[in-house]
N, C-alpha and C. Protein backbone atom coordinates (compact mmCIF):
# COMPACT_ATOMS: atom_id res chain seq x y z
N MET A 1 0.82 -1.11 -0.07
CA MET A 1 0.00 -0.16 -0.01
C MET A 1 0.96 1.07 -0.02
N ASN A 2 0.28 2.21 -0.70
CA ASN A 2 1.35 3.38 -0.84
C ASN A 2 0.51 4.60 -0.14
N ARG A 3 -0.40 4.64 0.79
CA ARG A 3 -0.73 5.70 1.48
C ARG A 3 -1.07 5.48 2.89
N PHE A 4 -0.86 6.35 3.79
CA PHE A 4 -1.51 5.96 5.28
C PHE A 4 -2.06 7.41 5.74
N ARG A 5 -2.99 7.24 6.73
CA ARG A 5 -3.31 8.34 7.65
C ARG A 5 -2.69 8.11 8.95
N ALA A 6 -2.35 9.03 9.66
CA ALA A 6 -1.85 8.88 11.04
C ALA A 6 -2.34 10.02 11.88
N ARG A 7 -2.48 9.70 13.29
CA ARG A 7 -2.79 10.68 14.15
C ARG A 7 -1.69 10.29 15.38
N VAL A 8 -1.03 11.54 15.72
CA VAL A 8 -0.15 11.53 16.75
C VAL A 8 -0.40 12.25 17.74
N LYS A 9 -0.37 11.68 18.98
CA LYS A 9 -0.89 12.03 20.36
C LYS A 9 0.57 12.41 21.07
N GLY A 10 0.28 13.35 21.77
CA GLY A 10 1.40 13.79 22.94
C GLY A 10 1.53 15.33 22.83
N VAL A 11 2.96 15.66 23.13
CA VAL A 11 3.24 17.05 23.19
C VAL A 11 3.50 17.37 21.67
N VAL A 12 2.34 17.62 20.65
CA VAL A 12 2.99 17.73 19.28
C VAL A 12 2.32 18.85 18.79
N GLN A 13 1.86 19.90 19.59
CA GLN A 13 1.40 21.21 18.86
C GLN A 13 2.18 22.21 19.68
N GLY A 14 2.47 23.43 18.96
CA GLY A 14 3.37 24.42 19.56
C GLY A 14 4.88 24.02 19.73
N VAL A 15 5.40 22.97 19.10
CA VAL A 15 6.82 22.34 18.94
C VAL A 15 7.40 22.28 17.69
N GLY A 16 6.69 22.77 16.52
CA GLY A 16 7.18 22.62 15.44
C GLY A 16 7.12 21.30 14.70
N PHE A 17 6.17 20.46 15.08
CA PHE A 17 5.77 19.12 14.81
C PHE A 17 5.33 19.17 13.45
N ARG A 18 4.53 20.07 12.89
CA ARG A 18 3.89 20.05 11.51
C ARG A 18 5.05 20.36 10.56
N TYR A 19 5.99 21.45 10.94
CA TYR A 19 6.96 21.77 10.03
C TYR A 19 8.04 20.65 10.00
N PHE A 20 8.22 19.88 10.94
CA PHE A 20 9.15 18.76 11.04
C PHE A 20 8.63 17.78 10.07
N VAL A 21 7.27 17.43 10.02
CA VAL A 21 6.43 16.40 9.38
C VAL A 21 6.68 16.85 7.74
N MET A 22 6.40 18.15 7.61
CA MET A 22 6.60 18.87 6.18
C MET A 22 7.95 18.55 5.48
N ARG A 23 9.00 18.78 6.40
CA ARG A 23 10.33 18.73 5.91
C ARG A 23 10.54 17.24 5.62
N LYS A 24 10.49 16.56 6.51
CA LYS A 24 10.73 15.18 6.20
C LYS A 24 9.99 14.47 5.15
N ALA A 25 8.61 14.63 5.00
CA ALA A 25 7.91 14.14 3.78
C ALA A 25 8.33 14.70 2.63
N SER A 26 8.70 15.99 2.61
CA SER A 26 9.26 16.63 1.23
C SER A 26 10.45 16.24 0.93
N ASN A 27 11.37 15.95 1.85
CA ASN A 27 12.87 15.40 1.52
C ASN A 27 12.68 13.89 1.10
N LEU A 28 11.64 13.19 1.38
CA LEU A 28 11.40 11.81 1.00
C LEU A 28 10.61 11.78 -0.23
N LYS A 29 10.31 13.00 -0.75
CA LYS A 29 9.44 12.90 -2.09
C LYS A 29 7.91 12.34 -1.94
N LEU A 30 7.45 12.57 -0.61
CA LEU A 30 6.15 12.11 -0.51
C LEU A 30 4.99 13.26 -0.68
N ALA A 31 3.74 12.96 -0.96
CA ALA A 31 2.97 14.06 -0.87
C ALA A 31 1.91 13.73 -0.03
N GLY A 32 0.99 14.82 0.43
CA GLY A 32 -0.01 14.78 1.29
C GLY A 32 -0.32 16.05 2.15
N TYR A 33 -0.71 15.77 3.55
CA TYR A 33 -0.81 17.05 4.29
C TYR A 33 -0.63 16.62 5.83
N VAL A 34 -0.49 17.80 6.45
CA VAL A 34 -0.27 17.70 8.04
C VAL A 34 -1.15 18.78 8.58
N ARG A 35 -1.79 18.44 9.66
CA ARG A 35 -2.67 19.63 10.39
C ARG A 35 -2.87 19.40 11.78
N ASN A 36 -3.11 20.32 12.46
CA ASN A 36 -3.55 20.31 14.13
C ASN A 36 -4.73 19.87 14.07
N CYS A 37 -5.16 19.16 15.11
CA CYS A 37 -6.49 18.78 15.61
C CYS A 37 -6.95 19.71 16.77
N PRO A 38 -8.32 19.87 16.74
CA PRO A 38 -8.87 20.66 17.82
C PRO A 38 -8.45 20.04 19.36
N ASP A 39 -8.24 18.59 19.33
CA ASP A 39 -8.00 18.11 20.57
C ASP A 39 -6.55 17.98 21.03
N GLY A 40 -5.59 18.72 20.23
CA GLY A 40 -4.17 18.55 20.54
C GLY A 40 -3.33 17.50 19.79
N ASP A 41 -3.89 16.61 19.04
CA ASP A 41 -3.26 15.83 18.27
C ASP A 41 -2.68 16.56 17.05
N VAL A 42 -2.03 15.77 16.12
CA VAL A 42 -1.62 16.04 14.64
C VAL A 42 -2.14 15.04 13.89
N GLU A 43 -2.75 15.25 12.81
CA GLU A 43 -3.26 14.52 11.88
C GLU A 43 -2.61 14.57 10.39
N LEU A 44 -1.98 13.66 9.81
CA LEU A 44 -1.53 13.59 8.56
C LEU A 44 -1.95 12.58 7.49
N GLU A 45 -1.67 12.70 6.39
CA GLU A 45 -1.92 11.89 5.26
C GLU A 45 -0.67 11.84 4.56
N ALA A 46 -0.04 10.55 4.02
CA ALA A 46 1.20 10.92 3.36
C ALA A 46 1.13 9.58 2.19
N GLU A 47 1.54 9.86 0.87
CA GLU A 47 1.44 8.97 -0.14
C GLU A 47 2.90 9.08 -0.80
N GLY A 48 3.06 7.80 -1.33
CA GLY A 48 4.36 7.75 -2.25
C GLY A 48 4.71 6.32 -2.19
N ASP A 49 6.16 6.14 -2.41
CA ASP A 49 6.62 4.77 -2.47
C ASP A 49 6.79 4.27 -0.82
N GLU A 50 6.39 2.89 -0.84
CA GLU A 50 6.23 2.40 0.48
C GLU A 50 7.43 2.52 1.29
N GLU A 51 8.74 2.47 0.92
CA GLU A 51 9.93 2.49 1.82
C GLU A 51 10.15 3.86 2.30
N SER A 52 9.79 5.08 1.58
CA SER A 52 9.76 6.23 1.90
C SER A 52 8.67 6.39 3.07
N LEU A 53 7.55 5.91 2.98
CA LEU A 53 6.45 6.06 3.93
C LEU A 53 6.83 5.28 5.16
N LYS A 54 7.43 4.23 5.12
CA LYS A 54 8.05 3.49 6.38
C LYS A 54 9.24 4.39 7.07
N ILE A 55 9.99 5.24 6.25
CA ILE A 55 11.08 5.84 6.84
C ILE A 55 10.21 7.17 7.75
N LEU A 56 9.17 7.59 7.05
CA LEU A 56 8.45 8.69 7.63
C LEU A 56 7.97 8.29 8.82
N ILE A 57 7.34 7.32 8.68
CA ILE A 57 6.63 6.62 10.12
C ILE A 57 7.63 6.48 11.25
N ASP A 58 8.75 6.07 10.90
CA ASP A 58 9.86 5.93 11.97
C ASP A 58 10.14 7.42 12.52
N GLN A 59 10.28 8.37 11.66
CA GLN A 59 10.56 9.72 12.04
C GLN A 59 9.38 10.27 12.89
N LEU A 60 8.11 10.04 12.52
CA LEU A 60 7.02 10.43 13.27
C LEU A 60 7.15 9.83 14.77
N ARG A 61 7.67 8.83 14.99
CA ARG A 61 7.67 8.15 16.44
C ARG A 61 8.80 9.05 17.17
N GLN A 62 9.61 9.55 16.39
CA GLN A 62 10.68 10.31 17.37
C GLN A 62 10.13 11.83 17.47
N GLY A 63 9.88 12.41 16.25
CA GLY A 63 9.32 13.83 16.24
C GLY A 63 10.46 14.58 16.45
N PRO A 64 10.37 16.05 16.48
CA PRO A 64 11.49 17.16 16.63
C PRO A 64 11.76 17.16 18.11
N PRO A 65 12.85 17.68 18.28
CA PRO A 65 13.37 17.72 19.65
C PRO A 65 12.40 18.24 21.04
N LEU A 66 11.51 19.22 20.73
CA LEU A 66 10.76 19.54 21.77
C LEU A 66 9.45 19.01 21.97
N SER A 67 9.28 18.02 20.96
CA SER A 67 8.11 17.27 21.18
C SER A 67 8.13 15.90 21.97
N ARG A 68 7.19 15.50 22.27
CA ARG A 68 6.99 14.04 22.90
C ARG A 68 5.65 13.08 22.26
N VAL A 69 6.09 12.13 21.52
CA VAL A 69 5.09 11.42 21.00
C VAL A 69 4.62 10.07 21.95
N ASP A 70 3.28 10.19 22.15
CA ASP A 70 2.84 9.17 23.24
C ASP A 70 2.33 8.16 22.63
N ASP A 71 1.70 8.30 21.33
CA ASP A 71 1.00 7.40 20.53
C ASP A 71 0.88 7.70 19.20
N LEU A 72 1.03 6.67 18.26
CA LEU A 72 0.81 6.89 17.01
C LEU A 72 -0.27 5.96 16.32
N LYS A 73 -1.46 6.39 15.77
CA LYS A 73 -2.34 5.73 15.25
C LYS A 73 -2.13 5.59 13.69
N LEU A 74 -2.09 4.44 13.14
CA LEU A 74 -1.74 4.36 11.50
C LEU A 74 -2.71 3.41 11.05
N GLU A 75 -3.18 4.07 9.72
CA GLU A 75 -4.04 3.39 8.94
C GLU A 75 -3.61 3.36 7.65
N TRP A 76 -3.31 2.00 7.04
CA TRP A 76 -2.83 2.17 5.61
C TRP A 76 -4.23 2.10 4.87
N LEU A 77 -4.10 2.95 3.74
CA LEU A 77 -5.15 3.11 2.72
C LEU A 77 -4.98 2.44 1.59
N GLU A 78 -6.13 2.07 0.75
CA GLU A 78 -5.96 1.36 -0.51
C GLU A 78 -5.46 2.29 -1.84
N GLU A 79 -6.45 3.28 -2.03
CA GLU A 79 -6.17 4.18 -3.24
C GLU A 79 -5.57 5.56 -2.86
N LYS A 80 -4.82 6.03 -3.81
CA LYS A 80 -4.11 7.22 -3.60
C LYS A 80 -5.17 8.34 -3.89
N ARG A 81 -4.74 9.50 -3.31
CA ARG A 81 -5.50 10.64 -3.47
C ARG A 81 -4.91 11.53 -4.55
N GLY A 82 -3.76 11.40 -5.12
CA GLY A 82 -3.20 12.29 -5.99
C GLY A 82 -2.71 13.39 -5.64
N TYR A 83 -2.11 13.55 -4.46
CA TYR A 83 -1.73 14.79 -3.92
C TYR A 83 -0.44 15.36 -4.82
N LYS A 84 -0.30 16.58 -5.06
CA LYS A 84 0.69 16.94 -5.75
C LYS A 84 2.04 17.42 -5.07
N ASP A 85 1.93 17.64 -3.59
CA ASP A 85 3.19 17.84 -2.78
C ASP A 85 2.66 17.75 -1.48
N PHE A 86 3.55 18.18 -0.38
CA PHE A 86 3.12 17.92 0.96
C PHE A 86 3.03 19.41 1.62
N GLY A 87 2.03 19.64 2.30
CA GLY A 87 1.67 20.83 2.81
C GLY A 87 0.87 20.95 4.18
N LEU A 88 0.53 21.86 4.62
CA LEU A 88 -0.21 22.24 5.73
C LEU A 88 -1.59 22.41 5.16
N LYS A 89 -2.48 21.79 6.07
CA LYS A 89 -3.97 21.87 5.88
C LYS A 89 -4.60 22.42 7.06
N TRP A 90 -5.50 23.47 6.98
CA TRP A 90 -5.97 24.11 8.05
C TRP A 90 -7.55 23.41 8.41
């Protein structure tokens, strides 16, 4: 599968987590989005080659220096959405 949706729980807002995800995903040539959720989580969708997606998942578990990832919910999805790049979604 070449797309996943993830929800990251912990100290992930106000610590540069979204920009961390954008940088990592862009460097891996992935497309999709990342956004803050009202409950304090961060949600993202990413699509691209499977190996790059797995690398991004490993990086999500670590997060940037000021973050703390307590939980990562991951859902692999069947069909691609056809995102052109990786960006912020509001």
